[in-house]
Amino acid sequence: MENFTQKVIVITGGSDGIGKALVEAFLKLGAKVATCGRNYDKLYQLQSSHTGMPLLIHTADVSNEQECINFIHTVVKNFGTIDILINNAGVSMRSLFEDVEIEALRKVVDVNLWGTVNCTKYALPYILKSKGSIVGISSIAGFRGLPGRTGYSASKFAVNGFLEALRTELLHSGVNVMWICPGFTASNIRRAALNYKGQAHGETSMDEGKMMSAEDCATHIIKAIYKRKRTLILTNTGKKTVWLNKFLPALADKFTYNYFFKNGKLFK
């Protein structure tokens, strides 16, 4: 995949999980990488472990439009252009809708949807010139609504719709727009998931040892970007869920309920 050499790759949310794995993988492929996140200490640690490599870090909350503008401008000032934007920053939630506070839902939508919209809006002029790629790290929850994750599902459906509309607008521009649904992946997103009050859970009851690793996920994503695919759905469970929901939605309802509810209580 030599075509990534010296390419400018922008990855939001690069201090943990899939984002961090993508940063490290693209650096190994010879790319210039810029990433942002809210936690400066994690970003600094990432940069320190890649001393001498073309890695730019920037502290930013992607739900804040001005901070996205500052991030994109910093990237262009340092690297001159943008070839690929990967909208990876995201936050999940775990709470029944009847219990959740509206502010918690708003936080999820602001990061997942508006973070993608904000960064894409200000990176687009440069990607149009380079005829590059815009990528959204979405979720199976963007194809199939998941109980206890109403805000997360809504935000990911919106991300998929936004990117599909944008892809159609840019169909003859030379820019590739794609969205990726990793399925359950071992990452920090479940520990950072918001509860009904909009606060981080700090734990997960799921066995992450049985999930796809962030590094394997990053490898699949990079191959899909290289091939300029339209969509990528990962893991057998993810593919089965999307297929079942498309062709047998009532049965998908039952299977999804049984997966997420144990003894009538939400499995978190």
C-alpha atoms as a PDB file:
ATOM      1  CA  MET A   1       0.000   0.000   0.000  1.00  0.00           C
ATOM      2  CA  GLU A   2       2.668   2.446  -1.117  1.00  0.00           C
ATOM      3  CA  ASN A   3       0.103   5.082  -2.059  1.00  0.00           C
ATOM      4  CA  PHE A   4      -0.067   6.183   1.616  1.00  0.00           C
ATOM      5  CA  THR A   5       3.563   7.294   1.614  1.00  0.00           C
ATOM      6  CA  GLN A   6       3.709  11.033   2.405  1.00  0.00           C
ATOM      7  CA  LYS A   7      -0.082  11.247   2.307  1.00  0.00           C
ATOM      8  CA  VAL A   8      -1.657  13.463   4.971  1.00  0.00           C
ATOM      9  CA  ILE A   9      -4.053  11.426   7.105  1.00  0.00           C
ATOM     10  CA  VAL A  10      -6.287  13.173   9.643  1.00  0.00           C
ATOM     11  CA  ILE A  11      -7.787  10.955  12.349  1.00  0.00           C
ATOM     12  CA  THR A  12     -10.080  12.275  15.058  1.00  0.00           C
ATOM     13  CA  GLY A  13     -10.080  10.549  18.432  1.00  0.00           C
ATOM     14  CA  GLY A  14      -6.635   9.040  17.977  1.00  0.00           C
ATOM     15  CA  SER A  15      -5.568   8.633  21.594  1.00  0.00           C
ATOM     16  CA  ASP A  16      -7.394   5.338  22.253  1.00  0.00           C
ATOM     17  CA  GLY A  17      -8.716   2.174  20.652  1.00  0.00           C
ATOM     18  CA  ILE A  18      -9.298   2.048  16.912  1.00  0.00           C
ATOM     19  CA  GLY A  19      -8.141   5.638  16.420  1.00  0.00           C
ATOM     20  CA  LYS A  20      -4.800   4.997  18.093  1.00  0.00           C
ATOM     21  CA  ALA A  21      -4.344   1.765  16.122  1.00  0.00           C
ATOM     22  CA  LEU A  22      -5.014   3.685  12.897  1.00  0.00           C
ATOM     23  CA  VAL A  23      -2.499   6.390  13.818  1.00  0.00           C
ATOM     24  CA  GLU A  24       0.228   3.831  14.449  1.00  0.00           C
ATOM     25  CA  ALA A  25      -0.573   1.785  11.342  1.00  0.00           C
ATOM     26  CA  PHE A  26      -0.536   4.776   8.987  1.00  0.00           C
ATOM     27  CA  LEU A  27       2.769   6.013  10.439  1.00  0.00           C
ATOM     28  CA  LYS A  28       4.288   2.623   9.661  1.00  0.00           C
ATOM     29  CA  LEU A  29       3.017   2.995   6.093  1.00  0.00           C
ATOM     30  CA  GLY A  30       4.946   6.241   5.693  1.00  0.00           C
ATOM     31  CA  ALA A  31       2.052   8.667   6.007  1.00  0.00           C
ATOM     32  CA  LYS A  32       1.988  12.038   7.723  1.00  0.00           C
ATOM     33  CA  VAL A  33      -0.617  11.760  10.471  1.00  0.00           C
ATOM     34  CA  ALA A  34      -2.538  14.365  12.440  1.00  0.00           C
ATOM     35  CA  THR A  35      -4.858  13.421  15.267  1.00  0.00           C
ATOM     36  CA  CYS A  36      -6.938  15.158  17.880  1.00  0.00           C
ATOM     37  CA  GLY A  37      -8.546  14.237  21.164  1.00  0.00           C
ATOM     38  CA  ARG A  38      -9.776  15.800  24.386  1.00  0.00           C
ATOM     39  CA  ASN A  39      -7.110  14.266  26.630  1.00  0.00           C
ATOM     40  CA  TYR A  40      -3.777  16.029  26.123  1.00  0.00           C
ATOM     41  CA  ASP A  41      -1.860  13.612  28.350  1.00  0.00           C
ATOM     42  CA  LYS A  42      -2.868  10.628  26.197  1.00  0.00           C
ATOM     43  CA  LEU A  43      -2.029  12.522  23.014  1.00  0.00           C
ATOM     44  CA  TYR A  44       1.358  13.547  24.393  1.00  0.00           C
ATOM     45  CA  GLN A  45       2.098   9.953  25.385  1.00  0.00           C
ATOM     46  CA  LEU A  46       1.188   8.848  21.857  1.00  0.00           C
ATOM     47  CA  GLN A  47       3.491  11.448  20.330  1.00  0.00           C
ATOM     48  CA  SER A  48       6.315  10.596  22.743  1.00  0.00           C
ATOM     49  CA  SER A  49       6.192   6.957  21.685  1.00  0.00           C
ATOM     50  CA  HIS A  50       6.636   7.990  18.030  1.00  0.00           C
ATOM     51  CA  THR A  51       9.426  10.545  18.354  1.00  0.00           C
ATOM     52  CA  GLY A  52      10.911  11.542  15.026  1.00  0.00           C
ATOM     53  CA  MET A  53       7.858  10.472  13.047  1.00  0.00           C
ATOM     54  CA  PRO A  54       5.537  12.897  11.209  1.00  0.00           C
ATOM     55  CA  LEU A  55       2.801  12.892  13.867  1.00  0.00           C
ATOM     56  CA  LEU A  56       0.890  16.058  14.750  1.00  0.00           C
ATOM     57  CA  ILE A  57      -1.272  16.096  17.888  1.00  0.00           C
ATOM     58  CA  HIS A  58      -3.929  18.667  18.730  1.00  0.00           C
ATOM     59  CA  THR A  59      -6.274  18.955  21.699  1.00  0.00           C
ATOM     60  CA  ALA A  60      -9.853  19.375  20.503  1.00  0.00           C
ATOM     61  CA  ASP A  61     -13.431  18.424  21.295  1.00  0.00           C
ATOM     62  CA  VAL A  62     -14.983  17.592  17.928  1.00  0.00           C
ATOM     63  CA  SER A  63     -18.454  18.565  19.153  1.00  0.00           C
ATOM     64  CA  ASN A  64     -17.168  22.149  19.251  1.00  0.00           C
ATOM     65  CA  GLU A  65     -17.187  23.706  15.780  1.00  0.00           C
ATOM     66  CA  GLN A  66     -14.490  26.285  16.474  1.00  0.00           C
ATOM     67  CA  GLU A  67     -12.145  23.657  17.890  1.00  0.00           C
ATOM     68  CA  CYS A  68     -12.628  21.611  14.704  1.00  0.00           C
ATOM     69  CA  ILE A  69     -11.822  24.688  12.615  1.00  0.00           C
ATOM     70  CA  ASN A  70      -8.661  25.243  14.656  1.00  0.00           C
ATOM     71  CA  PHE A  71      -7.648  21.594  14.277  1.00  0.00           C
ATOM     72  CA  ILE A  72      -8.074  21.528  10.500  1.00  0.00           C
ATOM     73  CA  HIS A  73      -6.264  24.853  10.105  1.00  0.00           C
ATOM     74  CA  THR A  74      -3.382  23.546  12.233  1.00  0.00           C
ATOM     75  CA  VAL A  75      -3.121  20.436  10.070  1.00  0.00           C
ATOM     76  CA  VAL A  76      -3.017  22.446   6.845  1.00  0.00           C
ATOM     77  CA  LYS A  77      -0.530  24.934   8.309  1.00  0.00           C
ATOM     78  CA  ASN A  78       1.832  22.093   9.236  1.00  0.00           C
ATOM     79  CA  PHE A  79       1.289  19.601   6.410  1.00  0.00           C
ATOM     80  CA  GLY A  80      -0.043  21.784   3.572  1.00  0.00           C
ATOM     81  CA  THR A  81      -3.091  19.693   2.660  1.00  0.00           C
ATOM     82  CA  ILE A  82      -5.359  16.804   3.662  1.00  0.00           C
ATOM     83  CA  ASP A  83      -5.659  13.597   1.668  1.00  0.00           C
ATOM     84  CA  ILE A  84      -7.766  11.422   3.951  1.00  0.00           C
ATOM     85  CA  LEU A  85     -10.067  12.372   6.825  1.00  0.00           C
ATOM     86  CA  ILE A  86     -11.128   9.585   9.200  1.00  0.00           C
ATOM     87  CA  ASN A  87     -13.932  10.681  11.508  1.00  0.00           C
ATOM     88  CA  ASN A  88     -13.250   8.242  14.317  1.00  0.00           C
ATOM     89  CA  ALA A  89     -14.008  10.225  17.483  1.00  0.00           C
ATOM     90  CA  GLY A  90     -17.133   8.908  19.150  1.00  0.00           C
ATOM     91  CA  VAL A  91     -18.888   8.177  22.409  1.00  0.00           C
ATOM     92  CA  SER A  92     -21.393   5.463  23.292  1.00  0.00           C
ATOM     93  CA  MET A  93     -24.119   5.236  25.937  1.00  0.00           C
ATOM     94  CA  ARG A  94     -25.861   2.578  27.990  1.00  0.00           C
ATOM     95  CA  SER A  95     -29.233   3.446  29.467  1.00  0.00           C
ATOM     96  CA  LEU A  96     -32.875   2.710  28.838  1.00  0.00           C
ATOM     97  CA  PHE A  97     -34.640   5.627  27.155  1.00  0.00           C
ATOM     98  CA  GLU A  98     -37.162   5.918  30.004  1.00  0.00           C
ATOM     99  CA  ASP A  99     -34.285   6.550  32.421  1.00  0.00           C
ATOM    100  CA  VAL A 100     -31.909   8.651  30.346  1.00  0.00           C
ATOM    101  CA  GLU A 101     -31.614  12.405  30.670  1.00  0.00           C
ATOM    102  CA  ILE A 102     -31.959  14.386  27.453  1.00  0.00           C
ATOM    103  CA  GLU A 103     -28.582  16.042  28.042  1.00  0.00           C
ATOM    104  CA  ALA A 104     -26.884  12.616  27.886  1.00  0.00           C
ATOM    105  CA  LEU A 105     -28.480  11.960  24.487  1.00  0.00           C
ATOM    106  CA  ARG A 106     -27.434  15.406  23.306  1.00  0.00           C
ATOM    107  CA  LYS A 107     -23.800  14.762  24.270  1.00  0.00           C
ATOM    108  CA  VAL A 108     -23.741  11.549  22.243  1.00  0.00           C
ATOM    109  CA  VAL A 109     -25.258  13.174  19.158  1.00  0.00           C
ATOM    110  CA  ASP A 110     -23.001  16.222  19.438  1.00  0.00           C
ATOM    111  CA  VAL A 111     -19.832  14.108  19.402  1.00  0.00           C
ATOM    112  CA  ASN A 112     -20.845  11.373  16.966  1.00  0.00           C
ATOM    113  CA  LEU A 113     -22.838  13.345  14.403  1.00  0.00           C
ATOM    114  CA  TRP A 114     -21.716  16.943  14.750  1.00  0.00           C
ATOM    115  CA  GLY A 115     -18.099  15.924  15.259  1.00  0.00           C
ATOM    116  CA  THR A 116     -18.243  14.178  11.884  1.00  0.00           C
ATOM    117  CA  VAL A 117     -20.072  17.079  10.232  1.00  0.00           C
ATOM    118  CA  ASN A 118     -17.767  19.736  11.684  1.00  0.00           C
ATOM    119  CA  CYS A 119     -14.480  18.132  10.669  1.00  0.00           C
ATOM    120  CA  THR A 120     -15.778  17.080   7.258  1.00  0.00           C
ATOM    121  CA  LYS A 121     -17.057  20.571   6.485  1.00  0.00           C
ATOM    122  CA  TYR A 122     -13.709  22.277   7.052  1.00  0.00           C
ATOM    123  CA  ALA A 123     -11.520  19.515   5.609  1.00  0.00           C
ATOM    124  CA  LEU A 124     -13.611  19.158   2.446  1.00  0.00           C
ATOM    125  CA  PRO A 125     -11.991  21.932   0.338  1.00  0.00           C
ATOM    126  CA  TYR A 126      -8.577  20.296   0.723  1.00  0.00           C
ATOM    127  CA  ILE A 127      -9.879  16.768   0.100  1.00  0.00           C
ATOM    128  CA  LEU A 128     -11.617  17.973  -3.053  1.00  0.00           C
ATOM    129  CA  LYS A 129      -8.289  19.299  -4.346  1.00  0.00           C
ATOM    130  CA  SER A 130      -6.444  16.092  -3.515  1.00  0.00           C
ATOM    131  CA  LYS A 131      -9.339  13.858  -4.674  1.00  0.00           C
ATOM    132  CA  GLY A 132      -8.911  11.987  -1.437  1.00  0.00           C
ATOM    133  CA  SER A 133     -11.225  10.157   0.945  1.00  0.00           C
ATOM    134  CA  ILE A 134     -13.675  10.958   3.709  1.00  0.00           C
ATOM    135  CA  VAL A 135     -14.274   8.107   6.135  1.00  0.00           C
ATOM    136  CA  GLY A 136     -16.738   7.738   8.981  1.00  0.00           C
ATOM    137  CA  ILE A 137     -16.267   5.132  11.700  1.00  0.00           C
ATOM    138  CA  SER A 138     -19.890   4.269  12.282  1.00  0.00           C
ATOM    139  CA  SER A 139     -21.388   1.175  13.904  1.00  0.00           C
ATOM    140  CA  ILE A 140     -23.732  -1.749  13.440  1.00  0.00           C
ATOM    141  CA  ALA A 141     -25.998   0.505  15.539  1.00  0.00           C
ATOM    142  CA  GLY A 142     -26.180   2.700  12.438  1.00  0.00           C
ATOM    143  CA  PHE A 143     -28.008  -0.106  10.609  1.00  0.00           C
ATOM    144  CA  ARG A 144     -29.877  -1.725  13.509  1.00  0.00           C
ATOM    145  CA  GLY A 145     -31.177   0.200  16.533  1.00  0.00           C
ATOM    146  CA  LEU A 146     -29.850  -1.293  19.766  1.00  0.00           C
ATOM    147  CA  PRO A 147     -31.756  -1.231  23.081  1.00  0.00           C
ATOM    148  CA  GLY A 148     -30.143   0.793  25.830  1.00  0.00           C
ATOM    149  CA  ARG A 149     -28.337   2.775  23.149  1.00  0.00           C
ATOM    150  CA  THR A 150     -31.070   4.965  21.682  1.00  0.00           C
ATOM    151  CA  GLY A 151     -28.897   8.074  21.447  1.00  0.00           C
ATOM    152  CA  TYR A 152     -25.943   6.129  20.078  1.00  0.00           C
ATOM    153  CA  SER A 153     -28.091   4.361  17.475  1.00  0.00           C
ATOM    154  CA  ALA A 154     -29.731   7.613  16.438  1.00  0.00           C
ATOM    155  CA  SER A 155     -26.357   9.324  16.051  1.00  0.00           C
ATOM    156  CA  LYS A 156     -24.895   6.499  13.970  1.00  0.00           C
ATOM    157  CA  PHE A 157     -27.964   6.267  11.714  1.00  0.00           C
ATOM    158  CA  ALA A 158     -27.511  10.001  11.183  1.00  0.00           C
ATOM    159  CA  VAL A 159     -23.800   9.583  10.414  1.00  0.00           C
ATOM    160  CA  ASN A 160     -24.586   6.906   7.826  1.00  0.00           C
ATOM    161  CA  GLY A 161     -27.253   9.088   6.231  1.00  0.00           C
ATOM    162  CA  PHE A 162     -25.017  12.151   6.185  1.00  0.00           C
ATOM    163  CA  LEU A 163     -22.153  10.283   4.552  1.00  0.00           C
ATOM    164  CA  GLU A 164     -24.407   8.551   2.020  1.00  0.00           C
ATOM    165  CA  ALA A 165     -25.882  11.901   0.976  1.00  0.00           C
ATOM    166  CA  LEU A 166     -22.404  13.437   0.774  1.00  0.00           C
ATOM    167  CA  ARG A 167     -21.101  10.490  -1.238  1.00  0.00           C
ATOM    168  CA  THR A 168     -23.872  11.039  -3.780  1.00  0.00           C
ATOM    169  CA  GLU A 169     -23.167  14.772  -3.971  1.00  0.00           C
ATOM    170  CA  LEU A 170     -19.486  14.044  -4.615  1.00  0.00           C
ATOM    171  CA  LEU A 171     -20.020  11.066  -6.921  1.00  0.00           C
ATOM    172  CA  HIS A 172     -18.205  12.662  -9.861  1.00  0.00           C
ATOM    173  CA  SER A 173     -15.688  14.741  -7.885  1.00  0.00           C
ATOM    174  CA  GLY A 174     -12.990  12.099  -7.496  1.00  0.00           C
ATOM    175  CA  VAL A 175     -13.515  12.039  -3.715  1.00  0.00           C
ATOM    176  CA  ASN A 176     -14.415   8.726  -2.101  1.00  0.00           C
ATOM    177  CA  VAL A 177     -16.819   8.751   0.847  1.00  0.00           C
ATOM    178  CA  MET A 178     -17.210   5.603   2.918  1.00  0.00           C
ATOM    179  CA  TRP A 179     -18.549   4.499   6.285  1.00  0.00           C
ATOM    180  CA  ILE A 180     -17.263   1.624   8.351  1.00  0.00           C
ATOM    181  CA  CYS A 181     -19.144  -0.450  10.912  1.00  0.00           C
ATOM    182  CA  PRO A 182     -16.621  -2.322  13.072  1.00  0.00           C
ATOM    183  CA  GLY A 183     -19.030  -4.399  15.184  1.00  0.00           C
ATOM    184  CA  PHE A 184     -17.931  -5.153  18.742  1.00  0.00           C
ATOM    185  CA  THR A 185     -14.229  -4.289  18.974  1.00  0.00           C
ATOM    186  CA  ALA A 186     -11.946  -4.331  21.990  1.00  0.00           C
ATOM    187  CA  SER A 187     -11.495  -0.622  22.705  1.00  0.00           C
ATOM    188  CA  ASN A 188     -12.112   2.002  25.341  1.00  0.00           C
ATOM    189  CA  ILE A 189     -15.509   3.058  23.975  1.00  0.00           C
ATOM    190  CA  ARG A 190     -17.570   0.901  26.338  1.00  0.00           C
ATOM    191  CA  ARG A 191     -15.707   2.079  29.451  1.00  0.00           C
ATOM    192  CA  ALA A 192     -16.130   5.669  28.284  1.00  0.00           C
ATOM    193  CA  ALA A 193     -19.812   5.091  27.423  1.00  0.00           C
ATOM    194  CA  LEU A 194     -22.187   7.521  29.099  1.00  0.00           C
ATOM    195  CA  ASN A 195     -24.795   6.473  31.648  1.00  0.00           C
ATOM    196  CA  TYR A 196     -28.273   7.956  31.994  1.00  0.00           C
ATOM    197  CA  LYS A 197     -26.803  11.132  33.517  1.00  0.00           C
ATOM    198  CA  GLY A 198     -24.227  11.601  30.763  1.00  0.00           C
ATOM    199  CA  GLN A 199     -21.326  10.434  32.934  1.00  0.00           C
ATOM    200  CA  ALA A 200     -18.762   7.802  31.930  1.00  0.00           C
ATOM    201  CA  HIS A 201     -19.543   4.282  33.170  1.00  0.00           C
ATOM    202  CA  GLY A 202     -15.870   3.444  33.629  1.00  0.00           C
ATOM    203  CA  GLU A 203     -16.507  -0.282  33.200  1.00  0.00           C
ATOM    204  CA  THR A 204     -18.068  -2.850  30.882  1.00  0.00           C
ATOM    205  CA  SER A 205     -19.620  -6.247  31.498  1.00  0.00           C
ATOM    206  CA  MET A 206     -18.757  -7.505  28.000  1.00  0.00           C
ATOM    207  CA  ASP A 207     -15.876  -9.926  27.440  1.00  0.00           C
ATOM    208  CA  GLU A 208     -13.531  -7.871  25.265  1.00  0.00           C
ATOM    209  CA  GLY A 209     -11.118 -10.794  25.021  1.00  0.00           C
ATOM    210  CA  LYS A 210     -13.493 -12.400  22.514  1.00  0.00           C
ATOM    211  CA  MET A 211     -13.782  -9.297  20.352  1.00  0.00           C
ATOM    212  CA  MET A 212     -11.778  -8.177  17.334  1.00  0.00           C
ATOM    213  CA  SER A 213      -8.705  -6.235  18.415  1.00  0.00           C
ATOM    214  CA  ALA A 214      -8.344  -2.561  17.561  1.00  0.00           C
ATOM    215  CA  GLU A 215      -5.219  -3.404  15.553  1.00  0.00           C
ATOM    216  CA  ASP A 216      -7.023  -5.996  13.411  1.00  0.00           C
ATOM    217  CA  CYS A 217      -9.871  -3.568  12.913  1.00  0.00           C
ATOM    218  CA  ALA A 218      -7.430  -0.870  11.768  1.00  0.00           C
ATOM    219  CA  THR A 219      -5.896  -3.271   9.234  1.00  0.00           C
ATOM    220  CA  HIS A 220      -9.325  -3.963   7.688  1.00  0.00           C
ATOM    221  CA  ILE A 221     -10.128  -0.245   7.608  1.00  0.00           C
ATOM    222  CA  ILE A 222      -6.880   0.696   5.872  1.00  0.00           C
ATOM    223  CA  LYS A 223      -7.390  -1.985   3.226  1.00  0.00           C
ATOM    224  CA  ALA A 224     -10.920  -0.677   2.577  1.00  0.00           C
ATOM    225  CA  ILE A 225      -9.630   2.892   2.259  1.00  0.00           C
ATOM    226  CA  TYR A 226      -6.916   1.707  -0.135  1.00  0.00           C
ATOM    227  CA  LYS A 227      -9.580   0.005  -2.283  1.00  0.00           C
ATOM    228  CA  ARG A 228     -11.871   3.069  -2.003  1.00  0.00           C
ATOM    229  CA  LYS A 229     -14.837   0.996  -0.928  1.00  0.00           C
ATOM    230  CA  ARG A 230     -18.301   2.367  -0.216  1.00  0.00           C
ATOM    231  CA  THR A 231     -18.954   0.554   3.055  1.00  0.00           C
ATOM    232  CA  LEU A 232     -17.250  -1.962   5.309  1.00  0.00           C
ATOM    233  CA  ILE A 233     -19.076  -4.122   7.843  1.00  0.00           C
ATOM    234  CA  LEU A 234     -16.834  -6.121  10.142  1.00  0.00           C
ATOM    235  CA  THR A 235     -17.229  -9.339  12.185  1.00  0.00           C
ATOM    236  CA  ASN A 236     -19.561 -12.216  11.402  1.00  0.00           C
ATOM    237  CA  THR A 237     -22.016 -11.052  14.052  1.00  0.00           C
ATOM    238  CA  GLY A 238     -22.114  -7.604  12.497  1.00  0.00           C
ATOM    239  CA  LYS A 239     -22.719  -8.933   8.989  1.00  0.00           C
ATOM    240  CA  LYS A 240     -25.440 -11.316  10.199  1.00  0.00           C
ATOM    241  CA  THR A 241     -27.142  -8.530  12.137  1.00  0.00           C
ATOM    242  CA  VAL A 242     -27.275  -6.185   9.142  1.00  0.00           C
ATOM    243  CA  TRP A 243     -28.511  -8.971   6.834  1.00  0.00           C
ATOM    244  CA  LEU A 244     -31.164 -10.161   9.287  1.00  0.00           C
ATOM    245  CA  ASN A 245     -32.409  -6.659   9.972  1.00  0.00           C
ATOM    246  CA  LYS A 246     -32.748  -5.972   6.250  1.00  0.00           C
ATOM    247  CA  PHE A 247     -34.615  -9.123   5.278  1.00  0.00           C
ATOM    248  CA  LEU A 248     -36.236 -10.377   8.517  1.00  0.00           C
ATOM    249  CA  PRO A 249     -36.633  -7.312  10.735  1.00  0.00           C
ATOM    250  CA  ALA A 250     -39.204  -8.828  13.117  1.00  0.00           C
ATOM    251  CA  LEU A 251     -36.887 -11.743  13.812  1.00  0.00           C
ATOM    252  CA  ALA A 252     -34.011  -9.296  14.262  1.00  0.00           C
ATOM    253  CA  ASP A 253     -36.078  -7.534  16.937  1.00  0.00           C
ATOM    254  CA  LYS A 254     -36.375 -10.757  18.920  1.00  0.00           C
ATOM    255  CA  PHE A 255     -32.728 -11.760  18.548  1.00  0.00           C
ATOM    256  CA  THR A 256     -31.542  -8.266  19.486  1.00  0.00           C
ATOM    257  CA  TYR A 257     -33.792  -8.161  22.547  1.00  0.00           C
ATOM    258  CA  ASN A 258     -32.596 -11.562  23.722  1.00  0.00           C
ATOM    259  CA  TYR A 259     -28.962 -10.512  23.260  1.00  0.00           C
ATOM    260  CA  PHE A 260     -29.204  -7.292  25.238  1.00  0.00           C
ATOM    261  CA  PHE A 261     -31.675  -8.300  27.926  1.00  0.00           C
ATOM    262  CA  LYS A 262     -30.921 -10.954  30.537  1.00  0.00           C
ATOM    263  CA  ASN A 263     -33.759 -11.908  32.880  1.00  0.00           C
ATOM    264  CA  GLY A 264     -35.674  -8.859  31.709  1.00  0.00           C
ATOM    265  CA  LYS A 265     -32.846  -6.455  32.591  1.00  0.00           C
ATOM    266  CA  LEU A 266     -30.610  -4.573  30.188  1.00  0.00           C
ATOM    267  CA  PHE A 267     -27.234  -6.277  29.787  1.00  0.00           C
ATOM    268  CA  LYS A 268     -24.672  -3.466  29.830  1.00  0.00           C
END
